[in-house]
PDB file of all heavy atoms in Angstrom:
ATOM      1  N   LEU A   1       7.353  12.161   4.420  1.00  0.00           N
ATOM      2  CA  LEU A   1       6.957  10.939   5.116  1.00  0.00           C
ATOM      3  C   LEU A   1       7.965   9.819   4.895  1.00  0.00           C
ATOM      4  O   LEU A   1       8.191   8.993   5.782  1.00  0.00           O
ATOM      5  CB  LEU A   1       5.565  10.486   4.666  1.00  0.00           C
ATOM      6  CG  LEU A   1       4.416  11.458   4.922  1.00  0.00           C
ATOM      7  CD1 LEU A   1       3.095  10.830   4.507  1.00  0.00           C
ATOM      8  CD2 LEU A   1       4.376  11.951   6.354  1.00  0.00           C
ATOM      9  N   GLY A   2       8.578   9.795   3.708  1.00  0.00           N
ATOM     10  CA  GLY A   2       9.567   8.767   3.396  1.00  0.00           C
ATOM     11  C   GLY A   2      10.788   8.809   4.300  1.00  0.00           C
ATOM     12  O   GLY A   2      11.488   7.813   4.446  1.00  0.00           O
ATOM     13  N   GLN A   3      11.027   9.938   4.925  1.00  0.00           N
ATOM     14  CA  GLN A   3      12.147  10.068   5.859  1.00  0.00           C
ATOM     15  C   GLN A   3      11.834   9.440   7.219  1.00  0.00           C
ATOM     16  O   GLN A   3      12.688   9.421   8.101  1.00  0.00           O
ATOM     17  CB  GLN A   3      12.493  11.539   6.050  1.00  0.00           C
ATOM     18  CG  GLN A   3      12.989  12.206   4.787  1.00  0.00           C
ATOM     19  CD  GLN A   3      13.224  13.697   4.978  1.00  0.00           C
ATOM     20  OE1 GLN A   3      13.648  14.137   6.034  1.00  0.00           O
ATOM     21  NE2 GLN A   3      12.930  14.473   3.953  1.00  0.00           N
ATOM     22  N   HIS A   4      10.612   8.933   7.371  1.00  0.00           N
ATOM     23  CA  HIS A   4      10.169   8.374   8.651  1.00  0.00           C
ATOM     24  C   HIS A   4       9.602   6.967   8.446  1.00  0.00           C
ATOM     25  O   HIS A   4       8.555   6.619   8.981  1.00  0.00           O
ATOM     26  CB  HIS A   4       9.133   9.310   9.284  1.00  0.00           C
ATOM     27  CG  HIS A   4       9.656  10.696   9.450  1.00  0.00           C
ATOM     28  ND1 HIS A   4      10.421  11.072  10.524  1.00  0.00           N
ATOM     29  CD2 HIS A   4       9.559  11.783   8.636  1.00  0.00           C
ATOM     30  CE1 HIS A   4      10.767  12.344  10.380  1.00  0.00           C
ATOM     31  NE2 HIS A   4      10.267  12.791   9.250  1.00  0.00           N
ATOM     32  N   ALA A   5      10.325   6.168   7.678  1.00  0.00           N
ATOM     33  CA  ALA A   5       9.855   4.826   7.310  1.00  0.00           C
ATOM     34  C   ALA A   5       9.679   3.905   8.517  1.00  0.00           C
ATOM     35  O   ALA A   5       8.920   2.942   8.449  1.00  0.00           O
ATOM     36  CB  ALA A   5      10.812   4.194   6.310  1.00  0.00           C
ATOM     37  N   SER A   6      10.327   4.203   9.613  1.00  0.00           N
ATOM     38  CA  SER A   6      10.165   3.350  10.799  1.00  0.00           C
ATOM     39  C   SER A   6       8.790   3.513  11.427  1.00  0.00           C
ATOM     40  O   SER A   6       8.328   2.635  12.151  1.00  0.00           O
ATOM     41  CB  SER A   6      11.242   3.668  11.841  1.00  0.00           C
ATOM     42  OG  SER A   6      11.090   4.996  12.315  1.00  0.00           O
ATOM     43  N   GLU A   7       8.116   4.627  11.128  1.00  0.00           N
ATOM     44  CA  GLU A   7       6.789   4.843  11.709  1.00  0.00           C
ATOM     45  C   GLU A   7       5.685   5.030  10.666  1.00  0.00           C
ATOM     46  O   GLU A   7       4.504   5.013  11.013  1.00  0.00           O
ATOM     47  CB  GLU A   7       6.806   6.033  12.666  1.00  0.00           C
ATOM     48  CG  GLU A   7       7.206   7.347  12.025  1.00  0.00           C
ATOM     49  CD  GLU A   7       7.333   8.496  13.007  1.00  0.00           C
ATOM     50  OE1 GLU A   7       6.329   8.841  13.652  1.00  0.00           O
ATOM     51  OE2 GLU A   7       8.448   9.041  13.122  1.00  0.00           O
ATOM     52  N   ILE A   8       6.059   5.181   9.388  1.00  0.00           N
ATOM     53  CA  ILE A   8       5.069   5.433   8.340  1.00  0.00           C
ATOM     54  C   ILE A   8       5.387   4.589   7.111  1.00  0.00           C
ATOM     55  O   ILE A   8       6.502   4.624   6.591  1.00  0.00           O
ATOM     56  CB  ILE A   8       5.051   6.935   7.952  1.00  0.00           C
ATOM     57  CG1 ILE A   8       4.702   7.793   9.162  1.00  0.00           C
ATOM     58  CG2 ILE A   8       4.074   7.183   6.801  1.00  0.00           C
ATOM     59  CD1 ILE A   8       4.950   9.274   8.969  1.00  0.00           C
ATOM     60  N   THR A   9       4.389   3.834   6.655  1.00  0.00           N
ATOM     61  CA  THR A   9       4.508   3.059   5.425  1.00  0.00           C
ATOM     62  C   THR A   9       3.693   3.764   4.345  1.00  0.00           C
ATOM     63  O   THR A   9       2.511   4.055   4.549  1.00  0.00           O
ATOM     64  CB  THR A   9       3.949   1.633   5.623  1.00  0.00           C
ATOM     65  OG1 THR A   9       4.709   0.987   6.639  1.00  0.00           O
ATOM     66  CG2 THR A   9       4.009   0.832   4.328  1.00  0.00           C
ATOM     67  N   ILE A  10       4.319   4.038   3.216  1.00  0.00           N
ATOM     68  CA  ILE A  10       3.627   4.681   2.093  1.00  0.00           C
ATOM     69  C   ILE A  10       3.313   3.613   1.053  1.00  0.00           C
ATOM     70  O   ILE A  10       4.197   2.877   0.611  1.00  0.00           O
ATOM     71  CB  ILE A  10       4.490   5.787   1.467  1.00  0.00           C
ATOM     72  CG1 ILE A  10       4.834   6.854   2.511  1.00  0.00           C
ATOM     73  CG2 ILE A  10       3.776   6.405   0.265  1.00  0.00           C
ATOM     74  CD1 ILE A  10       5.886   7.852   2.044  1.00  0.00           C
ATOM     75  N   HIS A  11       2.045   3.565   0.660  1.00  0.00           N
ATOM     76  CA  HIS A  11       1.584   2.587  -0.336  1.00  0.00           C
ATOM     77  C   HIS A  11       0.933   3.374  -1.480  1.00  0.00           C
ATOM     78  O   HIS A  11      -0.151   3.914  -1.327  1.00  0.00           O
ATOM     79  CB  HIS A  11       0.589   1.629   0.327  1.00  0.00           C
ATOM     80  CG  HIS A  11       0.047   0.587  -0.591  1.00  0.00           C
ATOM     81  ND1 HIS A  11       0.841  -0.305  -1.268  1.00  0.00           N
ATOM     82  CD2 HIS A  11      -1.229   0.283  -0.923  1.00  0.00           C
ATOM     83  CE1 HIS A  11       0.072  -1.107  -1.984  1.00  0.00           C
ATOM     84  NE2 HIS A  11      -1.187  -0.775  -1.799  1.00  0.00           N
ATOM     85  N   GLU A  12       1.634   3.445  -2.606  1.00  0.00           N
ATOM     86  CA  GLU A  12       1.165   4.231  -3.751  1.00  0.00           C
ATOM     87  C   GLU A  12       0.337   3.357  -4.685  1.00  0.00           C
ATOM     88  O   GLU A  12       0.887   2.550  -5.433  1.00  0.00           O
ATOM     89  CB  GLU A  12       2.341   4.814  -4.518  1.00  0.00           C
ATOM     90  CG  GLU A  12       3.088   5.888  -3.778  1.00  0.00           C
ATOM     91  CD  GLU A  12       4.153   6.502  -4.650  1.00  0.00           C
ATOM     92  OE1 GLU A  12       3.813   7.260  -5.586  1.00  0.00           O
ATOM     93  OE2 GLU A  12       5.332   6.194  -4.404  1.00  0.00           O
ATOM     94  N   ILE A  13      -0.969   3.567  -4.689  1.00  0.00           N
ATOM     95  CA  ILE A  13      -1.815   2.673  -5.483  1.00  0.00           C
ATOM     96  C   ILE A  13      -1.717   2.935  -6.987  1.00  0.00           C
ATOM     97  O   ILE A  13      -1.884   1.999  -7.770  1.00  0.00           O
ATOM     98  CB  ILE A  13      -3.279   2.663  -4.995  1.00  0.00           C
ATOM     99  CG1 ILE A  13      -3.935   4.033  -5.114  1.00  0.00           C
ATOM    100  CG2 ILE A  13      -3.362   2.122  -3.576  1.00  0.00           C
ATOM    101  CD1 ILE A  13      -5.437   4.016  -4.804  1.00  0.00           C
ATOM    102  N   TYR A  14      -1.419   4.149  -7.425  1.00  0.00           N
ATOM    103  CA  TYR A  14      -1.257   4.378  -8.868  1.00  0.00           C
ATOM    104  C   TYR A  14       0.020   3.724  -9.390  1.00  0.00           C
ATOM    105  O   TYR A  14       0.065   3.280 -10.535  1.00  0.00           O
ATOM    106  CB  TYR A  14      -1.278   5.871  -9.206  1.00  0.00           C
ATOM    107  CG  TYR A  14      -2.676   6.395  -9.435  1.00  0.00           C
ATOM    108  CD1 TYR A  14      -3.413   6.944  -8.393  1.00  0.00           C
ATOM    109  CD2 TYR A  14      -3.274   6.326 -10.685  1.00  0.00           C
ATOM    110  CE1 TYR A  14      -4.704   7.413  -8.595  1.00  0.00           C
ATOM    111  CE2 TYR A  14      -4.568   6.791 -10.902  1.00  0.00           C
ATOM    112  CZ  TYR A  14      -5.272   7.335  -9.851  1.00  0.00           C
ATOM    113  OH  TYR A  14      -6.555   7.798 -10.060  1.00  0.00           O
ATOM    114  N   ARG A  15       1.046   3.639  -8.580  1.00  0.00           N
ATOM    115  CA  ARG A  15       2.274   2.937  -8.985  1.00  0.00           C
ATOM    116  C   ARG A  15       2.079   1.424  -8.875  1.00  0.00           C
ATOM    117  O   ARG A  15       2.583   0.666  -9.696  1.00  0.00           O
ATOM    118  CB  ARG A  15       3.452   3.375  -8.129  1.00  0.00           C
ATOM    119  CG  ARG A  15       3.907   4.790  -8.412  1.00  0.00           C
ATOM    120  CD  ARG A  15       5.360   4.981  -8.076  1.00  0.00           C
ATOM    121  NE  ARG A  15       5.734   6.382  -7.980  1.00  0.00           N
ATOM    122  CZ  ARG A  15       6.101   7.125  -9.000  1.00  0.00           C
ATOM    123  NH1 ARG A  15       6.130   6.617 -10.200  1.00  0.00           N
ATOM    124  NH2 ARG A  15       6.432   8.379  -8.831  1.00  0.00           N
ATOM    125  N   GLU A  16       1.357   1.017  -7.843  1.00  0.00           N
ATOM    126  CA  GLU A  16       1.134  -0.412  -7.596  1.00  0.00           C
ATOM    127  C   GLU A  16       0.199  -1.039  -8.639  1.00  0.00           C
ATOM    128  O   GLU A  16       0.374  -2.187  -9.019  1.00  0.00           O
ATOM    129  CB  GLU A  16       0.550  -0.601  -6.197  1.00  0.00           C
ATOM    130  CG  GLU A  16       0.462  -2.025  -5.739  1.00  0.00           C
ATOM    131  CD  GLU A  16       1.823  -2.651  -5.482  1.00  0.00           C
ATOM    132  OE1 GLU A  16       2.775  -1.931  -5.114  1.00  0.00           O
ATOM    133  OE2 GLU A  16       1.934  -3.885  -5.651  1.00  0.00           O
ATOM    134  N   TYR A  17      -0.786  -0.263  -9.086  1.00  0.00           N
ATOM    135  CA  TYR A  17      -1.806  -0.799  -9.995  1.00  0.00           C
ATOM    136  C   TYR A  17      -1.971   0.080 -11.238  1.00  0.00           C
ATOM    137  O   TYR A  17      -3.036   0.642 -11.470  1.00  0.00           O
ATOM    138  CB  TYR A  17      -3.143  -0.940  -9.254  1.00  0.00           C
ATOM    139  CG  TYR A  17      -3.045  -1.824  -8.036  1.00  0.00           C
ATOM    140  CD1 TYR A  17      -3.168  -1.291  -6.761  1.00  0.00           C
ATOM    141  CD2 TYR A  17      -2.793  -3.183  -8.168  1.00  0.00           C
ATOM    142  CE1 TYR A  17      -3.056  -2.099  -5.635  1.00  0.00           C
ATOM    143  CE2 TYR A  17      -2.672  -4.003  -7.059  1.00  0.00           C
ATOM    144  CZ  TYR A  17      -2.805  -3.445  -5.788  1.00  0.00           C
ATOM    145  OH  TYR A  17      -2.690  -4.254  -4.684  1.00  0.00           O
ATOM    146  N   PRO A  18      -0.937   0.186 -12.059  1.00  0.00           N
ATOM    147  CA  PRO A  18      -1.069   1.009 -13.262  1.00  0.00           C
ATOM    148  C   PRO A  18      -2.106   0.455 -14.243  1.00  0.00           C
ATOM    149  O   PRO A  18      -2.649   1.201 -15.054  1.00  0.00           O
ATOM    150  CB  PRO A  18       0.340   1.000 -13.866  1.00  0.00           C
ATOM    151  CG  PRO A  18       0.976  -0.240 -13.339  1.00  0.00           C
ATOM    152  CD  PRO A  18       0.372  -0.455 -11.975  1.00  0.00           C
ATOM    153  N   ASP A  19      -2.383  -0.839 -14.132  1.00  0.00           N
ATOM    154  CA  ASP A  19      -3.396  -1.468 -14.989  1.00  0.00           C
ATOM    155  C   ASP A  19      -4.786  -1.472 -14.349  1.00  0.00           C
ATOM    156  O   ASP A  19      -5.742  -1.985 -14.922  1.00  0.00           O
ATOM    157  CB  ASP A  19      -2.987  -2.903 -15.315  1.00  0.00           C
ATOM    158  CG  ASP A  19      -2.847  -3.775 -14.070  1.00  0.00           C
ATOM    159  OD1 ASP A  19      -3.072  -3.292 -12.935  1.00  0.00           O
ATOM    160  OD2 ASP A  19      -2.490  -4.954 -14.230  1.00  0.00           O
ATOM    161  N   TRP A  20      -4.873  -0.923 -13.135  1.00  0.00           N
ATOM    162  CA  TRP A  20      -6.127  -0.808 -12.379  1.00  0.00           C
ATOM    163  C   TRP A  20      -6.678  -2.157 -11.925  1.00  0.00           C
ATOM    164  O   TRP A  20      -7.809  -2.256 -11.512  1.00  0.00           O
ATOM    165  CB  TRP A  20      -7.185  -0.041 -13.176  1.00  0.00           C
ATOM    166  CG  TRP A  20      -6.922   1.425 -13.254  1.00  0.00           C
ATOM    167  CD1 TRP A  20      -5.746   2.040 -13.596  1.00  0.00           C
ATOM    168  CD2 TRP A  20      -7.836   2.475 -12.978  1.00  0.00           C
ATOM    169  NE1 TRP A  20      -5.879   3.400 -13.559  1.00  0.00           N
ATOM    170  CE2 TRP A  20      -7.167   3.690 -13.193  1.00  0.00           C
ATOM    171  CE3 TRP A  20      -9.161   2.507 -12.591  1.00  0.00           C
ATOM    172  CZ2 TRP A  20      -7.771   4.922 -13.007  1.00  0.00           C
ATOM    173  CZ3 TRP A  20      -9.765   3.735 -12.422  1.00  0.00           C
ATOM    174  CH2 TRP A  20      -9.069   4.927 -12.629  1.00  0.00           C
ATOM    175  N   HIS A  21      -5.879  -3.202 -11.956  1.00  0.00           N
ATOM    176  CA  HIS A  21      -6.303  -4.512 -11.457  1.00  0.00           C
ATOM    177  C   HIS A  21      -5.817  -4.654 -10.020  1.00  0.00           C
ATOM    178  O   HIS A  21      -4.678  -5.062  -9.774  1.00  0.00           O
ATOM    179  CB  HIS A  21      -5.766  -5.642 -12.338  1.00  0.00           C
ATOM    180  CG  HIS A  21      -6.299  -5.621 -13.733  1.00  0.00           C
ATOM    181  ND1 HIS A  21      -7.621  -5.378 -14.032  1.00  0.00           N
ATOM    182  CD2 HIS A  21      -5.670  -5.800 -14.915  1.00  0.00           C
ATOM    183  CE1 HIS A  21      -7.792  -5.420 -15.334  1.00  0.00           C
ATOM    184  NE2 HIS A  21      -6.625  -5.664 -15.908  1.00  0.00           N
ATOM    185  N   ILE A  22      -6.680  -4.307  -9.096  1.00  0.00           N
ATOM    186  CA  ILE A  22      -6.327  -4.263  -7.686  1.00  0.00           C
ATOM    187  C   ILE A  22      -6.324  -5.668  -7.092  1.00  0.00           C
ATOM    188  O   ILE A  22      -7.276  -6.429  -7.267  1.00  0.00           O
ATOM    189  CB  ILE A  22      -7.310  -3.343  -6.928  1.00  0.00           C
ATOM    190  CG1 ILE A  22      -7.153  -1.905  -7.446  1.00  0.00           C
ATOM    191  CG2 ILE A  22      -7.085  -3.423  -5.420  1.00  0.00           C
ATOM    192  CD1 ILE A  22      -8.194  -0.945  -6.939  1.00  0.00           C
ATOM    193  N   ASN A  23      -5.259  -5.992  -6.395  1.00  0.00           N
ATOM    194  CA  ASN A  23      -5.159  -7.256  -5.679  1.00  0.00           C
ATOM    195  C   ASN A  23      -5.882  -7.058  -4.342  1.00  0.00           C
ATOM    196  O   ASN A  23      -5.301  -6.594  -3.359  1.00  0.00           O
ATOM    197  CB  ASN A  23      -3.693  -7.627  -5.467  1.00  0.00           C
ATOM    198  CG  ASN A  23      -3.515  -8.960  -4.792  1.00  0.00           C
ATOM    199  OD1 ASN A  23      -4.373  -9.422  -4.035  1.00  0.00           O
ATOM    200  ND2 ASN A  23      -2.369  -9.589  -5.042  1.00  0.00           N
ATOM    201  N   VAL A  24      -7.149  -7.414  -4.329  1.00  0.00           N
ATOM    202  CA  VAL A  24      -8.007  -7.118  -3.186  1.00  0.00           C
ATOM    203  C   VAL A  24      -7.511  -7.801  -1.924  1.00  0.00           C
ATOM    204  O   VAL A  24      -7.427  -7.162  -0.862  1.00  0.00           O
ATOM    205  CB  VAL A  24      -9.478  -7.495  -3.497  1.00  0.00           C
ATOM    206  CG1 VAL A  24     -10.352  -7.365  -2.263  1.00  0.00           C
ATOM    207  CG2 VAL A  24     -10.011  -6.615  -4.630  1.00  0.00           C
ATOM    208  N   SER A  25      -7.185  -9.073  -1.980  1.00  0.00           N
ATOM    209  CA  SER A  25      -6.763  -9.770  -0.762  1.00  0.00           C
ATOM    210  C   SER A  25      -5.473  -9.167  -0.205  1.00  0.00           C
ATOM    211  O   SER A  25      -5.313  -9.041   1.009  1.00  0.00           O
ATOM    212  CB  SER A  25      -6.611 -11.268  -0.996  1.00  0.00           C
ATOM    213  OG  SER A  25      -5.583 -11.531  -1.909  1.00  0.00           O
ATOM    214  N   ARG A  26      -4.572  -8.761  -1.085  1.00  0.00           N
ATOM    215  CA  ARG A  26      -3.334  -8.118  -0.634  1.00  0.00           C
ATOM    216  C   ARG A  26      -3.634  -6.793   0.051  1.00  0.00           C
ATOM    217  O   ARG A  26      -3.072  -6.486   1.109  1.00  0.00           O
ATOM    218  CB  ARG A  26      -2.396  -7.906  -1.819  1.00  0.00           C
ATOM    219  CG  ARG A  26      -1.105  -7.239  -1.434  1.00  0.00           C
ATOM    220  CD  ARG A  26      -0.130  -7.212  -2.610  1.00  0.00           C
ATOM    221  NE  ARG A  26       1.040  -6.472  -2.214  1.00  0.00           N
ATOM    222  CZ  ARG A  26       1.473  -5.391  -2.827  1.00  0.00           C
ATOM    223  NH1 ARG A  26       0.861  -4.934  -3.882  1.00  0.00           N
ATOM    224  NH2 ARG A  26       2.549  -4.768  -2.400  1.00  0.00           N
ATOM    225  N   GLU A  27      -4.510  -6.009  -0.546  1.00  0.00           N
ATOM    226  CA  GLU A  27      -4.876  -4.713   0.043  1.00  0.00           C
ATOM    227  C   GLU A  27      -5.573  -4.900   1.387  1.00  0.00           C
ATOM    228  O   GLU A  27      -5.331  -4.156   2.342  1.00  0.00           O
ATOM    229  CB  GLU A  27      -5.761  -3.914  -0.910  1.00  0.00           C
ATOM    230  CG  GLU A  27      -5.074  -3.498  -2.196  1.00  0.00           C
ATOM    231  CD  GLU A  27      -3.884  -2.583  -1.963  1.00  0.00           C
ATOM    232  OE1 GLU A  27      -4.037  -1.546  -1.284  1.00  0.00           O
ATOM    233  OE2 GLU A  27      -2.783  -2.905  -2.463  1.00  0.00           O
ATOM    234  N   GLN A  28      -6.443  -5.885   1.476  1.00  0.00           N
ATOM    235  CA  GLN A  28      -7.152  -6.142   2.727  1.00  0.00           C
ATOM    236  C   GLN A  28      -6.177  -6.576   3.821  1.00  0.00           C
ATOM    237  O   GLN A  28      -6.276  -6.109   4.961  1.00  0.00           O
ATOM    238  CB  GLN A  28      -8.246  -7.185   2.516  1.00  0.00           C
ATOM    239  CG  GLN A  28      -9.405  -6.646   1.701  1.00  0.00           C
ATOM    240  CD  GLN A  28     -10.433  -7.695   1.338  1.00  0.00           C
ATOM    241  OE1 GLN A  28     -10.175  -8.898   1.361  1.00  0.00           O
ATOM    242  NE2 GLN A  28     -11.628  -7.237   0.973  1.00  0.00           N
ATOM    243  N   LYS A  29      -5.233  -7.439   3.492  1.00  0.00           N
ATOM    244  CA  LYS A  29      -4.231  -7.862   4.470  1.00  0.00           C
ATOM    245  C   LYS A  29      -3.379  -6.681   4.916  1.00  0.00           C
ATOM    246  O   LYS A  29      -3.018  -6.575   6.092  1.00  0.00           O
ATOM    247  CB  LYS A  29      -3.356  -8.968   3.888  1.00  0.00           C
ATOM    248  CG  LYS A  29      -4.056 -10.299   3.801  1.00  0.00           C
ATOM    249  CD  LYS A  29      -3.185 -11.356   3.150  1.00  0.00           C
ATOM    250  CE  LYS A  29      -4.019 -12.624   2.968  1.00  0.00           C
ATOM    251  NZ  LYS A  29      -3.420 -13.539   2.021  1.00  0.00           N
ATOM    252  N   LEU A  30      -3.062  -5.814   3.990  1.00  0.00           N
ATOM    253  CA  LEU A  30      -2.290  -4.619   4.333  1.00  0.00           C
ATOM    254  C   LEU A  30      -3.071  -3.753   5.316  1.00  0.00           C
ATOM    255  O   LEU A  30      -2.534  -3.321   6.344  1.00  0.00           O
ATOM    256  CB  LEU A  30      -1.956  -3.830   3.056  1.00  0.00           C
ATOM    257  CG  LEU A  30      -1.043  -2.627   3.204  1.00  0.00           C
ATOM    258  CD1 LEU A  30       0.329  -3.034   3.735  1.00  0.00           C
ATOM    259  CD2 LEU A  30      -0.901  -1.921   1.858  1.00  0.00           C
ATOM    260  N   LEU A  31      -4.335  -3.512   5.048  1.00  0.00           N
ATOM    261  CA  LEU A  31      -5.165  -2.717   5.957  1.00  0.00           C
ATOM    262  C   LEU A  31      -5.318  -3.386   7.318  1.00  0.00           C
ATOM    263  O   LEU A  31      -5.345  -2.710   8.349  1.00  0.00           O
ATOM    264  CB  LEU A  31      -6.540  -2.466   5.341  1.00  0.00           C
ATOM    265  CG  LEU A  31      -6.573  -1.461   4.200  1.00  0.00           C
ATOM    266  CD1 LEU A  31      -7.936  -1.488   3.509  1.00  0.00           C
ATOM    267  CD2 LEU A  31      -6.255  -0.063   4.694  1.00  0.00           C
ATOM    268  N   GLU A  32      -5.425  -4.693   7.333  1.00  0.00           N
ATOM    269  CA  GLU A  32      -5.569  -5.425   8.601  1.00  0.00           C
ATOM    270  C   GLU A  32      -4.332  -5.259   9.483  1.00  0.00           C
ATOM    271  O   GLU A  32      -4.429  -5.339  10.708  1.00  0.00           O
ATOM    272  CB  GLU A  32      -5.825  -6.910   8.335  1.00  0.00           C
ATOM    273  CG  GLU A  32      -7.201  -7.194   7.791  1.00  0.00           C
ATOM    274  CD  GLU A  32      -7.394  -8.649   7.377  1.00  0.00           C
ATOM    275  OE1 GLU A  32      -6.600  -9.525   7.810  1.00  0.00           O
ATOM    276  OE2 GLU A  32      -8.351  -8.910   6.625  1.00  0.00           O
ATOM    277  N   ALA A  33      -3.191  -5.009   8.883  1.00  0.00           N
ATOM    278  CA  ALA A  33      -1.937  -4.911   9.630  1.00  0.00           C
ATOM    279  C   ALA A  33      -1.731  -3.560  10.315  1.00  0.00           C
ATOM    280  O   ALA A  33      -0.786  -3.413  11.092  1.00  0.00           O
ATOM    281  CB  ALA A  33      -0.761  -5.206   8.695  1.00  0.00           C
ATOM    282  N   TYR A  34      -2.590  -2.593  10.037  1.00  0.00           N
ATOM    283  CA  TYR A  34      -2.430  -1.241  10.590  1.00  0.00           C
ATOM    284  C   TYR A  34      -3.711  -0.806  11.297  1.00  0.00           C
ATOM    285  O   TYR A  34      -4.811  -1.099  10.834  1.00  0.00           O
ATOM    286  CB  TYR A  34      -2.116  -0.237   9.473  1.00  0.00           C
ATOM    287  CG  TYR A  34      -0.762  -0.448   8.861  1.00  0.00           C
ATOM    288  CD1 TYR A  34      -0.578  -1.369   7.835  1.00  0.00           C
ATOM    289  CD2 TYR A  34       0.344   0.268   9.308  1.00  0.00           C
ATOM    290  CE1 TYR A  34       0.670  -1.582   7.277  1.00  0.00           C
ATOM    291  CE2 TYR A  34       1.599   0.060   8.748  1.00  0.00           C
ATOM    292  CZ  TYR A  34       1.755  -0.863   7.741  1.00  0.00           C
ATOM    293  OH  TYR A  34       2.994  -1.062   7.190  1.00  0.00           O
TER     294      TYR A  34
END
């Protein structure tokens, strides 16, 4: 999928939130964009 970044965005939540503190507003805005 990484070879197709123009059509696919990969969002790795285990890398993004290793402390498990999810930035809810950021995640919601991300979902709203797709």
